[in-house]
Amino acid sequence: MKNLGNMLKQAQQMQSRMQEMQAKLEATEVEGASGGGMVKVRLTGKSELKRVIIDPSLMNADEREVLEDLLVAAHADAKQKVEATMAEEMQKATAGMSLPPGMKLPF
């Protein structure tokens, strides 16, 4: 039973760290860019789009497809950064917690 008590204590600690991590992710913003910085997007740690910045030189009808592609690329860049930040925070939250092999959090 001593082992079970330790597991419950660890689970409570992890739950507390997960709540802290989620609050931190909500407050975190990352910026993705493409086209050498001509298009930028800002996402929160929860992947909510907050801002789009487009260089004025791309604002003409002839560059529409280029602009669309750059927006997608900038979003993908920001999304990758959000995922990296989330993975890093998850590792901090589960530090010291012995999880079974192959088990990933959050569930």
Foldseek 3Di string as FASTA:
>chain_A
DVVVVVLVVLVVQLVVLVVVLVVVQQVAKDKFFDPVRQWIWIAGLVRDTDDIHHHVVCPDPVNVVVVVVRNVRRSVRRVVVSVVSSVVSNCVSCPPPDDPPPDDPPD
